[in-house]
Protein backbone atom coordinates (compact mmCIF):
# COMPACT_ATOMS: atom_id res chain seq x y z
CA MET A 1 0.00 -0.01 0.01
CA GLY A 2 1.16 3.55 -0.72
CA LYS A 3 1.64 6.23 1.90
CA VAL A 4 -1.72 7.92 1.22
CA GLU A 5 -3.60 4.62 1.34
CA ASP A 6 -1.92 3.76 4.64
CA THR A 7 -2.91 7.14 6.10
CA LEU A 8 -6.54 6.72 4.95
CA LYS A 9 -6.69 3.21 6.40
CA ASP A 10 -5.30 4.44 9.71
CA ARG A 11 -7.75 7.33 9.86
CA GLY A 12 -10.66 5.07 9.02
CA ALA A 13 -9.70 2.74 11.85
CA ILE A 14 -9.71 5.65 14.31
CA TYR A 15 -12.52 7.85 12.99
CA GLY A 16 -14.82 5.49 11.12
CA SER A 17 -16.40 5.89 7.71
CA TYR A 18 -15.75 9.14 5.86
CA THR A 19 -19.25 8.96 4.37
CA ASN A 20 -20.80 8.65 7.82
CA ASN A 21 -18.68 11.58 8.97
CA VAL A 22 -19.88 13.73 6.04
CA ASN A 23 -23.52 12.75 6.66
CA PHE A 24 -23.18 13.71 10.34
CA ARG A 25 -21.78 17.12 9.42
CA VAL A 26 -24.43 17.81 6.77
CA GLN A 27 -27.32 16.76 8.98
CA THR A 28 -26.03 18.63 12.01
CA LEU A 29 -25.34 21.83 10.05
CA ASP A 30 -28.80 21.64 8.47
CA MET A 31 -30.39 21.19 11.91
CA MET A 32 -28.36 24.07 13.34
CA GLU A 33 -29.32 26.34 10.45
CA THR A 34 -33.00 25.46 10.89
CA MET A 35 -32.70 26.47 14.54
CA ARG A 36 -30.95 29.74 13.60
CA VAL A 37 -33.57 30.64 11.00
CA ALA A 38 -36.37 29.90 13.47
CA ALA A 39 -34.72 32.11 16.10
CA THR A 40 -33.35 34.95 13.95
CA GLY A 41 -34.81 34.67 10.46
CA TYR A 42 -31.27 34.49 9.04
CA LYS A 43 -29.36 31.63 7.40
CA TYR A 44 -25.66 31.13 8.02
CA THR A 45 -23.25 32.98 5.78
CA THR A 46 -20.76 30.90 3.78
CA GLU A 47 -18.03 31.93 6.23
CA GLU A 48 -20.11 30.81 9.23
CA LYS A 49 -20.78 27.47 7.52
CA VAL A 50 -17.05 26.94 7.05
CA LEU A 51 -16.24 27.86 10.66
CA ILE A 52 -18.98 25.59 12.03
CA GLY A 53 -18.05 22.88 9.55
CA ASP A 54 -14.48 22.77 10.85
CA LEU A 55 -15.77 22.07 14.35
CA LEU A 56 -18.38 19.60 13.14
CA MET A 57 -15.65 17.59 11.41
CA LYS A 58 -13.89 17.16 14.75
CA LEU A 59 -17.17 16.49 16.60
CA ALA A 60 -18.02 13.74 14.10
CA ARG A 61 -14.66 12.16 14.82
CA LEU A 62 -15.28 12.55 18.56
CA ALA A 63 -18.59 10.73 18.20
CA VAL A 64 -16.71 7.66 16.90
CA SER A 65 -13.62 7.89 19.11
CA PRO A 66 -14.46 9.78 22.31
CA ASP A 67 -11.24 8.61 23.98
CA HIS A 68 -8.96 9.92 21.21
CA VAL A 69 -7.15 12.74 23.01
CA ASP A 70 -5.85 14.27 19.78
CA THR A 71 -9.43 14.99 18.69
CA ILE A 72 -10.13 16.91 21.92
CA HIS A 73 -6.90 18.81 21.37
CA ASP A 74 -7.96 19.64 17.80
CA ILE A 75 -11.41 20.85 18.94
CA ALA A 76 -9.75 23.22 21.41
CA GLY A 77 -7.39 24.43 18.71
CA TYR A 78 -10.18 25.02 16.18
CA ALA A 79 -12.20 26.87 18.82
CA ASN A 80 -9.23 29.17 19.48
CA ILE A 81 -8.62 29.80 15.80
CA ILE A 82 -12.32 30.55 15.21
CA GLU A 83 -12.42 32.92 18.18
CA ASP A 84 -9.36 34.72 16.92
CA HIS A 85 -10.87 34.95 13.45
CA LEU A 86 -14.07 36.44 14.80
CA ARG A 87 -12.01 38.95 16.80
CA GLY A 88 -9.97 39.85 13.71
CA ILE A 89 -6.73 38.22 14.89
CA GLU A 90 -4.77 36.42 12.18
CA ARG A 91 -2.78 33.40 13.47
CA CYS A 92 -0.98 32.49 10.26
CA THR A 93 0.08 34.53 7.30
CA ASN A 94 1.24 33.27 3.95
CA LYS A 95 4.68 34.78 3.30
CA THR A 96 6.42 34.19 0.01
CA GLN A 97 7.12 30.41 0.04
CA GLY A 98 5.41 29.07 3.09
CA LEU A 99 3.41 29.69 6.19
CA THR A 100 4.82 31.76 8.97
CA HIS A 101 3.15 31.05 12.28
CA GLU A 102 2.91 33.87 14.80
């Protein structure tokens, strides 16, 4: 097996089916947007969908592997990045040939 195939097999063993993960994210985002529209009359913006989608990806993984510490760490990281984004703080900038982390 090639390197990519090995990685996908490893991830599948930890996080379960990619298709199930996608379905979880789609259904949860749809449910959340229904709740938002009912409460505010507004749908999510594309940006909000992306931000929420990032967290939902990790939550879908958590649903399958609740004892996988790396997933909890990732959720905390995504929450920090999203908070910074909403506050207008940029964590990474693309400089010439690569990413420079602040």
